[in-house]
N, C-alpha and C. Protein backbone atom coordinates (compact mmCIF):
# COMPACT_ATOMS: atom_id res chain seq x y z
N MET A 1 131.26 97.85 165.28
CA MET A 1 131.59 98.54 164.62
C MET A 1 131.29 98.06 163.03
N ARG A 2 131.24 96.53 163.09
CA ARG A 2 131.17 95.62 161.99
C ARG A 2 129.00 95.66 161.99
N PRO A 3 129.18 95.12 163.18
CA PRO A 3 126.99 95.75 162.79
C PRO A 3 126.76 96.96 162.18
N ILE A 4 127.25 98.03 162.70
CA ILE A 4 127.12 99.10 161.88
C ILE A 4 126.93 99.45 160.41
N LYS A 5 128.56 98.90 159.87
CA LYS A 5 128.51 98.96 158.46
C LYS A 5 127.54 97.49 158.04
N ASN A 6 127.57 96.77 158.50
CA ASN A 6 126.65 95.90 157.95
C ASN A 6 124.93 96.00 157.50
N GLN A 7 124.43 96.73 158.94
CA GLN A 7 123.31 97.57 158.51
C GLN A 7 123.33 98.39 157.62
N GLY A 8 124.63 99.35 157.44
CA GLY A 8 124.34 100.37 156.43
C GLY A 8 124.39 99.77 155.35
N LEU A 9 125.12 98.54 155.16
CA LEU A 9 124.64 97.58 153.54
C LEU A 9 123.50 97.44 153.30
N LEU A 10 122.89 96.83 154.19
CA LEU A 10 121.56 96.11 153.97
C LEU A 10 120.64 97.29 154.33
N LEU A 11 120.52 98.09 154.83
CA LEU A 11 120.00 99.59 154.14
C LEU A 11 120.07 100.48 153.00
N GLN A 12 121.15 100.00 152.52
CA GLN A 12 121.04 100.50 151.08
C GLN A 12 120.89 99.42 149.87
N LYS A 13 120.78 98.28 149.90
CA LYS A 13 120.66 97.17 149.55
C LYS A 13 119.12 97.46 149.31
N VAL A 14 118.35 97.49 150.12
CA VAL A 14 116.74 97.52 150.91
C VAL A 14 116.03 98.38 149.92
N THR A 15 116.83 100.20 150.46
CA THR A 15 116.03 101.07 150.42
C THR A 15 116.90 101.96 148.97
N GLY A 16 118.05 101.51 148.61
CA GLY A 16 118.60 102.01 147.17
C GLY A 16 119.01 103.26 147.68
N ALA A 17 118.73 103.82 148.88
CA ALA A 17 119.63 105.22 149.27
C ALA A 17 120.71 105.23 150.25
N LYS A 18 121.59 106.19 149.70
CA LYS A 18 123.14 105.99 150.41
C LYS A 18 123.10 106.67 151.96
N ASN A 19 123.65 105.71 152.71
CA ASN A 19 123.70 106.36 153.88
C ASN A 19 125.53 106.55 154.49
N ASN A 20 125.69 107.23 155.54
CA ASN A 20 126.54 107.58 156.11
C ASN A 20 126.58 106.31 157.27
N PHE A 21 126.35 105.22 157.42
CA PHE A 21 126.57 104.41 158.43
C PHE A 21 128.23 103.77 158.25
N LYS A 22 128.87 103.69 157.23
CA LYS A 22 130.23 103.28 157.48
C LYS A 22 131.31 104.22 157.93
N PHE A 23 130.50 105.99 157.86
CA PHE A 23 131.32 106.85 158.46
C PHE A 23 131.08 106.78 160.23
N LEU A 24 129.94 106.56 160.42
CA LEU A 24 129.58 106.36 161.83
C LEU A 24 130.03 105.31 162.56
N ALA A 25 130.36 104.05 161.82
CA ALA A 25 130.62 102.69 162.59
C ALA A 25 132.45 103.17 162.71
N SER A 26 133.14 104.44 161.82
CA SER A 26 134.69 104.49 162.13
C SER A 26 134.57 105.42 163.40
N LYS A 27 133.19 105.67 163.68
CA LYS A 27 133.70 106.69 165.02
C LYS A 27 133.30 105.54 166.39
N VAL A 28 132.83 104.86 166.11
CA VAL A 28 132.58 103.50 167.79
C VAL A 28 134.18 103.93 168.48
N LEU A 29 133.80 103.97 169.25
CA LEU A 29 134.80 103.80 170.33
C LEU A 29 135.06 102.58 170.82
N SER A 30 135.96 102.40 171.84
CA SER A 30 135.83 101.23 172.27
C SER A 30 135.00 101.34 173.04
N GLY A 31 134.11 99.81 173.41
CA GLY A 31 132.96 99.62 174.22
C GLY A 31 131.99 100.60 173.90
N ASP A 32 132.25 101.30 172.89
CA ASP A 32 130.94 101.85 172.56
C ASP A 32 130.39 103.12 173.30
N THR A 33 131.29 103.70 173.91
CA THR A 33 131.35 104.57 175.00
C THR A 33 130.70 105.76 174.40
N SER A 34 130.50 106.40 173.18
CA SER A 34 129.56 107.12 172.43
C SER A 34 128.00 106.56 171.86
N ASN A 35 128.13 105.67 172.31
CA ASN A 35 126.46 104.89 172.46
C ASN A 35 126.04 104.96 170.44
N MET A 36 127.33 104.80 169.75
CA MET A 36 126.89 104.99 168.42
C MET A 36 125.82 103.95 167.99
N GLU A 37 126.18 102.55 168.19
CA GLU A 37 125.53 101.90 167.64
C GLU A 37 123.81 101.80 168.13
N ALA A 38 123.61 102.30 169.35
CA ALA A 38 122.04 102.77 169.30
C ALA A 38 121.47 103.77 168.63
N VAL A 39 122.40 104.63 168.46
CA VAL A 39 122.33 105.48 167.49
C VAL A 39 121.61 105.40 165.99
N THR A 40 122.53 104.65 165.76
CA THR A 40 122.35 104.17 164.53
C THR A 40 121.21 103.37 164.12
N ALA A 41 121.57 102.59 165.20
CA ALA A 41 120.39 101.24 165.17
C ALA A 41 118.85 102.07 165.03
N ASN A 42 118.35 102.77 165.83
CA ASN A 42 117.10 103.83 165.93
C ASN A 42 117.29 104.38 164.53
N PHE A 43 118.25 104.78 163.67
CA PHE A 43 117.84 104.96 162.44
C PHE A 43 117.67 104.03 161.60
N TYR A 44 118.62 102.94 161.42
CA TYR A 44 118.63 101.81 161.02
C TYR A 44 116.80 101.44 161.06
N TRP A 45 116.09 101.08 162.32
CA TRP A 45 115.03 100.55 162.12
C TRP A 45 113.88 101.82 161.81
N LYS A 46 113.87 102.64 161.98
CA LYS A 46 113.17 103.63 161.46
C LYS A 46 112.77 103.98 160.02
N SER A 47 113.99 103.55 159.03
CA SER A 47 114.20 103.52 157.81
C SER A 47 113.79 102.09 157.30
N PHE A 48 114.54 101.19 157.86
CA PHE A 48 114.09 99.96 157.19
C PHE A 48 112.57 99.40 157.30
N PHE A 49 111.63 99.36 157.85
CA PHE A 49 111.15 99.34 158.26
C PHE A 49 109.81 100.00 158.18
N GLU A 50 108.40 99.93 157.66
CA GLU A 50 107.55 101.22 157.64
C GLU A 50 107.58 102.32 158.99
N GLN A 51 107.42 103.27 158.32
CA GLN A 51 107.15 104.18 159.53
C GLN A 51 106.35 103.66 160.63
N GLY A 52 106.71 104.35 161.82
CA GLY A 52 106.65 103.76 163.00
C GLY A 52 107.20 102.55 163.26
N PHE A 53 107.75 102.15 162.85
CA PHE A 53 108.40 100.57 163.29
C PHE A 53 109.18 100.81 164.40
N LYS A 54 108.90 99.83 165.46
CA LYS A 54 110.11 100.08 166.70
C LYS A 54 110.03 98.63 167.19
N ARG A 55 111.37 98.78 167.16
CA ARG A 55 112.17 96.99 167.33
C ARG A 55 111.81 96.85 169.15
N GLU A 56 111.10 95.92 169.67
CA GLU A 56 110.89 95.64 170.50
C GLU A 56 111.00 94.31 170.71
N ARG A 57 111.75 93.81 172.03
CA ARG A 57 111.76 91.93 172.17
C ARG A 57 110.20 91.40 172.46
N PHE A 58 109.68 92.37 172.82
CA PHE A 58 107.59 91.40 172.48
C PHE A 58 107.04 92.11 171.79
N GLY A 59 107.43 93.17 170.96
CA GLY A 59 107.01 94.33 170.29
C GLY A 59 106.01 93.77 168.98
N ASP A 60 104.90 94.76 168.22
CA ASP A 60 104.18 93.86 167.38
C ASP A 60 104.98 93.53 165.77
N TYR A 61 104.28 92.89 165.18
CA TYR A 61 105.02 92.45 164.00
C TYR A 61 105.60 93.48 163.64
N PRO A 62 106.92 93.12 162.46
CA PRO A 62 107.60 92.14 162.52
C PRO A 62 108.57 91.60 163.63
N ASN A 63 108.15 92.06 164.66
CA ASN A 63 108.93 91.69 165.77
C ASN A 63 109.18 90.53 166.23
N ASN A 64 107.86 89.70 165.72
CA ASN A 64 108.25 88.41 166.01
C ASN A 64 108.66 87.28 165.07
N PHE A 65 108.92 87.80 163.66
CA PHE A 65 109.70 87.02 162.54
C PHE A 65 110.98 87.52 163.06
N LEU A 66 111.41 89.00 163.45
CA LEU A 66 112.84 89.03 163.92
C LEU A 66 113.14 88.10 164.91
N ASN A 67 112.40 88.34 166.01
CA ASN A 67 112.54 87.53 167.04
C ASN A 67 113.17 86.00 166.84
N TYR A 68 112.11 85.49 166.28
CA TYR A 68 112.55 83.91 165.80
C TYR A 68 113.75 83.69 164.68
N GLY A 69 114.12 84.62 163.89
CA GLY A 69 115.34 84.83 163.06
C GLY A 69 116.18 84.78 164.05
N TYR A 70 116.26 85.64 165.18
CA TYR A 70 117.69 85.69 165.81
C TYR A 70 117.63 84.96 166.98
N ALA A 71 116.62 83.84 167.33
CA ALA A 71 116.84 83.03 167.95
C ALA A 71 117.39 81.29 167.09
N VAL A 72 117.27 81.66 166.03
CA VAL A 72 118.01 80.44 165.00
C VAL A 72 119.09 81.32 164.65
N LEU A 73 119.55 82.12 164.29
CA LEU A 73 121.04 82.41 164.52
C LEU A 73 121.80 82.67 165.74
N ARG A 74 121.17 82.91 166.81
CA ARG A 74 121.72 82.60 168.01
C ARG A 74 122.09 80.95 168.24
N ALA A 75 121.16 80.40 168.35
CA ALA A 75 121.47 78.93 168.70
C ALA A 75 122.59 78.17 167.56
N ALA A 76 122.90 78.68 166.13
CA ALA A 76 123.96 78.32 165.22
C ALA A 76 125.16 79.23 165.84
N VAL A 77 125.09 80.00 166.10
CA VAL A 77 126.57 80.69 166.81
C VAL A 77 126.64 79.83 168.15
N ALA A 78 125.96 79.91 169.13
CA ALA A 78 126.63 79.02 170.28
C ALA A 78 126.76 77.91 169.78
N ARG A 79 126.56 76.97 168.65
CA ARG A 79 126.77 75.99 168.62
C ARG A 79 128.02 75.68 168.40
N ALA A 80 128.51 76.54 167.02
CA ALA A 80 129.87 77.21 166.49
C ALA A 80 130.74 77.24 167.82
N LEU A 81 130.33 77.93 168.42
CA LEU A 81 131.42 78.46 169.81
C LEU A 81 131.70 77.51 170.36
N SER A 82 130.53 76.55 171.11
CA SER A 82 130.87 75.04 171.73
C SER A 82 132.04 74.78 171.15
N GLY A 83 131.56 74.48 169.49
CA GLY A 83 132.32 73.36 168.41
C GLY A 83 133.52 73.87 168.57
N SER A 84 134.17 74.71 168.82
CA SER A 84 135.59 75.34 169.05
C SER A 84 136.17 75.31 170.18
N GLY A 85 135.14 75.05 171.27
CA GLY A 85 135.79 74.51 172.78
C GLY A 85 135.79 76.18 173.58
N LEU A 86 134.72 77.22 173.25
CA LEU A 86 134.30 78.12 173.90
C LEU A 86 133.43 78.03 174.79
N LEU A 87 133.23 79.02 175.80
CA LEU A 87 132.40 78.70 176.99
C LEU A 87 131.49 80.13 176.43
N ASN A 88 129.82 79.66 176.13
CA ASN A 88 128.84 80.32 175.77
C ASN A 88 128.58 81.48 177.23
N ALA A 89 128.96 81.00 177.96
CA ALA A 89 128.17 81.89 179.36
C ALA A 89 129.53 82.88 179.81
N LEU A 90 130.54 83.17 178.88
CA LEU A 90 131.25 84.27 179.13
C LEU A 90 131.67 84.96 178.05
N GLY A 91 130.99 86.11 178.34
CA GLY A 91 130.91 87.07 177.07
C GLY A 91 131.87 88.38 177.08
N ILE A 92 131.90 88.78 176.20
CA ILE A 92 133.16 89.89 176.14
C ILE A 92 132.42 91.00 176.40
N HIS A 93 131.10 91.47 175.64
CA HIS A 93 130.53 92.60 175.84
C HIS A 93 129.05 92.91 176.89
N HIS A 94 128.36 91.18 176.34
CA HIS A 94 127.36 90.72 177.07
C HIS A 94 127.56 90.29 178.57
N LYS A 95 127.34 90.67 179.71
CA LYS A 95 127.60 89.67 180.45
C LYS A 95 126.80 90.18 181.92
N SER A 96 125.91 89.08 181.94
CA SER A 96 124.87 88.68 182.92
C SER A 96 125.06 87.46 183.65
N LYS A 97 125.22 87.08 184.98
CA LYS A 97 124.71 85.86 185.15
C LYS A 97 123.76 84.87 184.95
N TYR A 98 122.72 85.57 184.43
CA TYR A 98 121.06 85.21 183.92
C TYR A 98 121.48 85.17 182.35
N ASN A 99 122.85 84.98 181.69
CA ASN A 99 122.78 85.09 180.43
C ASN A 99 123.73 83.66 180.05
N ALA A 100 123.12 82.19 179.72
CA ALA A 100 123.89 81.17 179.16
C ALA A 100 124.60 81.50 178.01
N PHE A 101 124.16 82.47 177.15
CA PHE A 101 124.67 82.43 175.88
C PHE A 101 125.05 83.92 175.54
N ALA A 102 126.28 84.51 176.79
CA ALA A 102 126.27 85.90 176.45
C ALA A 102 127.40 85.95 175.62
N LEU A 103 128.55 84.94 174.92
CA LEU A 103 129.53 85.12 173.95
C LEU A 103 128.86 84.89 172.42
N ALA A 104 127.81 84.19 172.16
CA ALA A 104 126.87 83.96 171.35
C ALA A 104 126.31 85.23 170.66
N ASP A 105 125.97 85.95 171.77
CA ASP A 105 125.50 87.34 172.06
C ASP A 105 126.45 88.50 171.08
N ASP A 106 127.65 88.34 171.28
CA ASP A 106 128.28 88.98 170.99
C ASP A 106 128.77 88.85 169.70
N ILE A 107 129.18 87.75 169.36
CA ILE A 107 129.08 87.12 167.84
C ILE A 107 128.40 87.06 167.04
N MET A 108 127.04 87.29 167.41
CA MET A 108 125.94 87.07 166.50
C MET A 108 125.55 88.71 165.91
N GLU A 109 126.32 89.29 166.33
CA GLU A 109 125.72 91.03 166.13
C GLU A 109 126.05 91.15 165.13
N PRO A 110 127.11 91.19 164.21
CA PRO A 110 127.39 91.55 162.70
C PRO A 110 126.57 90.87 161.88
N PHE A 111 125.66 89.38 162.43
CA PHE A 111 125.19 88.28 161.65
C PHE A 111 123.64 88.72 161.27
N ARG A 112 123.40 89.72 162.35
CA ARG A 112 121.93 89.98 162.39
C ARG A 112 120.83 90.17 160.70
N PRO A 113 122.10 91.26 160.20
CA PRO A 113 121.46 91.81 159.27
C PRO A 113 120.91 90.85 158.02
N PHE A 114 121.54 89.31 158.05
CA PHE A 114 121.04 88.37 157.35
C PHE A 114 119.32 88.00 157.73
N VAL A 115 119.46 88.00 159.22
CA VAL A 115 117.55 88.14 159.64
C VAL A 115 117.27 89.03 158.96
N ASP A 116 117.43 90.10 159.33
CA ASP A 116 116.87 91.78 159.01
C ASP A 116 116.13 91.22 157.41
N GLU A 117 117.41 91.05 156.70
CA GLU A 117 116.92 90.85 155.30
C GLU A 117 115.70 89.63 155.18
N ALA A 118 116.14 88.76 155.34
CA ALA A 118 115.06 87.48 155.27
C ALA A 118 113.73 88.14 155.81
N VAL A 119 113.49 88.49 156.81
CA VAL A 119 112.08 88.96 157.15
C VAL A 119 111.49 90.47 156.63
N HIS A 120 112.68 91.20 156.08
CA HIS A 120 111.84 91.93 155.00
C HIS A 120 111.49 91.13 153.85
N THR A 121 112.17 90.29 153.09
CA THR A 121 111.71 89.64 152.27
C THR A 121 110.62 88.55 152.42
N ILE A 122 110.35 88.44 153.68
CA ILE A 122 109.19 87.42 153.76
C ILE A 122 107.98 88.49 154.00
N MET A 123 108.18 89.58 154.63
CA MET A 123 106.93 90.62 154.40
C MET A 123 106.58 90.92 153.13
N GLN A 124 107.39 91.02 151.91
CA GLN A 124 107.08 90.76 150.58
C GLN A 124 106.26 89.93 149.87
N HIS A 125 106.49 88.91 150.28
CA HIS A 125 105.72 87.61 149.43
C HIS A 125 104.91 87.38 150.28
N TYR A 126 104.21 87.26 152.18
CA TYR A 126 103.29 86.88 153.27
C TYR A 126 102.50 88.07 153.11
N ASP A 127 101.44 87.36 153.58
CA ASP A 127 100.73 88.71 153.74
C ASP A 127 100.17 88.20 155.58
N GLU A 128 100.63 86.96 155.71
CA GLU A 128 101.03 86.33 157.21
C GLU A 128 101.61 87.68 158.23
N GLN A 129 100.63 87.50 159.33
CA GLN A 129 101.46 88.44 160.41
C GLN A 129 101.90 87.29 161.49
N GLU A 130 101.58 86.27 161.30
CA GLU A 130 101.75 85.59 162.70
C GLU A 130 102.47 84.41 162.49
N LEU A 131 103.73 83.64 163.38
CA LEU A 131 104.79 82.80 162.85
C LEU A 131 103.70 81.47 162.42
N ASN A 132 104.36 80.82 161.45
CA ASN A 132 103.31 79.60 160.71
C ASN A 132 104.79 78.59 160.31
N THR A 133 104.58 77.38 160.13
CA THR A 133 105.63 76.43 159.56
C THR A 133 106.06 76.98 158.60
N GLU A 134 105.50 77.43 157.26
CA GLU A 134 105.92 78.16 156.23
C GLU A 134 106.53 79.17 156.37
N ILE A 135 107.01 80.55 157.23
CA ILE A 135 107.54 81.40 157.56
C ILE A 135 108.93 81.34 158.71
N LYS A 136 108.30 79.99 159.64
CA LYS A 136 109.96 79.63 160.23
C LYS A 136 110.78 78.90 159.14
N SER A 137 110.21 78.05 158.30
CA SER A 137 110.93 77.54 157.36
C SER A 137 111.95 78.44 156.56
N ALA A 138 111.49 79.31 156.17
CA ALA A 138 111.99 80.57 155.30
C ALA A 138 112.95 80.99 156.29
N LEU A 139 113.08 81.07 157.66
CA LEU A 139 113.67 81.81 158.45
C LEU A 139 114.96 81.12 158.39
N LEU A 140 114.70 79.77 158.47
CA LEU A 140 115.52 78.66 158.76
C LEU A 140 116.82 78.28 157.52
N GLN A 141 116.21 78.63 156.50
CA GLN A 141 117.42 78.85 155.32
C GLN A 141 118.31 80.35 155.66
N ILE A 142 118.46 80.92 156.40
CA ILE A 142 119.04 81.95 156.59
C ILE A 142 120.51 81.19 156.73
N LEU A 143 120.65 80.06 157.61
CA LEU A 143 122.00 79.36 157.65
C LEU A 143 122.59 78.89 156.57
N THR A 144 121.56 78.66 155.44
CA THR A 144 122.13 78.33 154.16
C THR A 144 122.46 79.50 153.14
N LEU A 145 122.71 80.52 153.73
CA LEU A 145 122.95 81.84 152.71
C LEU A 145 124.29 81.81 152.79
N THR A 146 125.01 82.77 151.51
CA THR A 146 126.17 82.31 150.53
C THR A 146 126.75 83.66 151.80
N VAL A 147 127.92 83.48 152.38
CA VAL A 147 128.96 84.46 152.74
C VAL A 147 129.99 84.60 151.97
N TYR A 148 131.18 85.36 152.27
CA TYR A 148 132.39 85.67 151.20
C TYR A 148 133.35 85.88 152.27
N PHE A 149 134.12 85.17 152.40
CA PHE A 149 135.59 85.07 152.80
C PHE A 149 136.56 85.81 151.57
N LYS A 150 137.82 86.33 151.90
CA LYS A 150 138.61 87.02 150.62
C LYS A 150 138.24 85.98 149.37
N ASN A 151 138.74 85.05 149.53
CA ASN A 151 139.02 84.37 147.97
C ASN A 151 137.89 82.92 148.12
N GLU A 152 136.92 83.04 148.81
CA GLU A 152 135.92 81.91 148.89
C GLU A 152 134.62 82.30 149.31
N MET A 153 133.81 81.26 149.03
CA MET A 153 132.17 81.39 149.39
C MET A 153 132.08 80.28 150.36
N SER A 154 131.10 80.66 151.21
CA SER A 154 130.47 79.69 152.08
C SER A 154 129.27 80.11 152.58
N PRO A 155 128.67 78.65 153.25
CA PRO A 155 127.11 78.98 153.86
C PRO A 155 127.38 79.75 154.91
N LEU A 156 126.55 79.98 155.53
CA LEU A 156 126.29 80.88 156.89
C LEU A 156 126.68 79.97 158.24
N MET A 157 126.60 78.92 158.09
CA MET A 157 126.39 77.65 158.73
C MET A 157 128.03 77.72 159.15
N VAL A 158 128.66 77.11 158.24
CA VAL A 158 130.19 77.05 157.89
C VAL A 158 131.03 78.21 158.49
N ALA A 159 130.30 79.10 158.00
CA ALA A 159 131.39 80.90 158.22
C ALA A 159 131.39 80.93 159.74
N LEU A 160 129.92 80.26 160.29
CA LEU A 160 129.40 80.64 161.86
C LEU A 160 130.95 79.92 162.48
N GLN A 161 131.33 78.53 162.07
CA GLN A 161 132.48 77.93 162.67
C GLN A 161 133.78 78.56 162.47
N LYS A 162 134.17 79.12 161.27
CA LYS A 162 135.63 80.25 160.70
C LYS A 162 135.56 80.87 161.74
N THR A 163 134.21 81.92 162.21
CA THR A 163 134.27 83.07 162.99
C THR A 163 134.31 82.34 164.17
N ALA A 164 134.01 81.31 164.91
CA ALA A 164 134.48 80.86 166.02
C ALA A 164 135.79 80.36 166.30
N SER A 165 136.17 79.61 165.50
CA SER A 165 137.41 79.13 165.45
C SER A 165 138.46 80.23 165.29
N SER A 166 138.00 81.40 164.40
CA SER A 166 139.26 82.26 164.79
C SER A 166 139.24 83.11 166.05
N LEU A 167 138.25 83.31 166.72
CA LEU A 167 137.82 83.58 167.83
C LEU A 167 138.63 82.87 168.99
N GLN A 168 138.78 81.68 168.76
CA GLN A 168 139.12 80.48 169.77
C GLN A 168 141.08 81.18 169.50
N GLN A 169 140.99 81.33 168.42
CA GLN A 169 142.83 81.47 168.37
C GLN A 169 143.03 82.99 168.80
N CYS A 170 142.13 83.81 168.83
CA CYS A 170 142.48 84.79 169.18
C CYS A 170 142.98 84.92 170.85
N PHE A 171 141.90 84.15 171.49
CA PHE A 171 142.10 84.02 172.84
C PHE A 171 143.32 83.19 173.43
N ILE A 172 143.71 82.32 172.26
CA ILE A 172 145.18 81.92 172.55
C ILE A 172 146.32 82.25 172.06
N ARG A 173 146.21 83.74 171.21
CA ARG A 173 147.14 84.47 170.61
C ARG A 173 148.10 84.01 169.72
N LYS A 174 146.83 83.17 169.00
CA LYS A 174 147.64 82.97 167.42
C LYS A 174 147.13 83.88 166.44
N ARG A 175 146.33 84.65 166.78
CA ARG A 175 145.65 85.72 165.99
C ARG A 175 144.96 86.64 166.66
N LYS A 176 145.17 87.96 165.54
CA LYS A 176 144.85 89.16 166.83
C LYS A 176 143.06 89.70 166.38
N LYS A 177 142.74 89.23 165.10
CA LYS A 177 141.47 89.56 164.92
C LYS A 177 140.26 88.65 164.82
N ILE A 178 139.25 88.51 164.89
CA ILE A 178 138.17 87.10 164.67
C ILE A 178 137.89 87.50 162.89
N LYS A 179 138.13 86.37 162.62
CA LYS A 179 137.67 86.37 160.93
C LYS A 179 136.18 86.80 160.83
N TYR A 180 135.40 87.34 160.13
CA TYR A 180 134.18 87.67 160.07
C TYR A 180 133.98 87.63 158.49
N PRO A 181 132.79 86.99 157.96
CA PRO A 181 132.82 87.49 156.38
C PRO A 181 132.03 88.45 156.24
N LYS A 182 132.63 88.88 154.63
CA LYS A 182 131.40 89.61 154.59
C LYS A 182 129.95 89.31 153.90
N LEU A 183 129.22 89.95 154.38
CA LEU A 183 127.61 89.37 154.21
C LEU A 183 127.07 89.45 152.51
N TRP A 184 127.88 90.59 151.84
CA TRP A 184 127.12 90.51 150.72
C TRP A 184 128.46 90.70 149.88
N ASN A 185 128.60 90.34 148.69
CA ASN A 185 129.66 90.57 147.79
C ASN A 185 129.53 91.30 146.60
């Protein structure tokens, strides 16, 4: 649900066009049995980048930038989860004996639009289509971006730790919901 809302917010921010992602997010069923996340992701990617873009793991530019940014985010999430005493290999929705970071993959989903926005910005300012040191450096900066909790601002790296800690508290029944920040105020 939260990944869809965040994609909708970013899409509106970038394109200026209203969308119904908030409504679609409210239609997500437990376990996403209606496949609403895939439906909205398809629309999101077609609207976010130029016409004809297809999000693929090994696809053409700007997939290489997205993949690098997601790897940075995944590593930071995995670190935060480990720091909270959680085992990354035990995912909630992502489950595979070959995925040592299944829990990180679950928790990072709502944060992906930060990477998407960074890649969009990079594409506006650089003609380069290959990953180089300068672009990698720009993508690493996502960890320093400001996110918002109710009454406080926090760098993303610190927010990831707060989210991981809240998940740990959910597992020991001290909390009912994971604490995610708002990505934009």
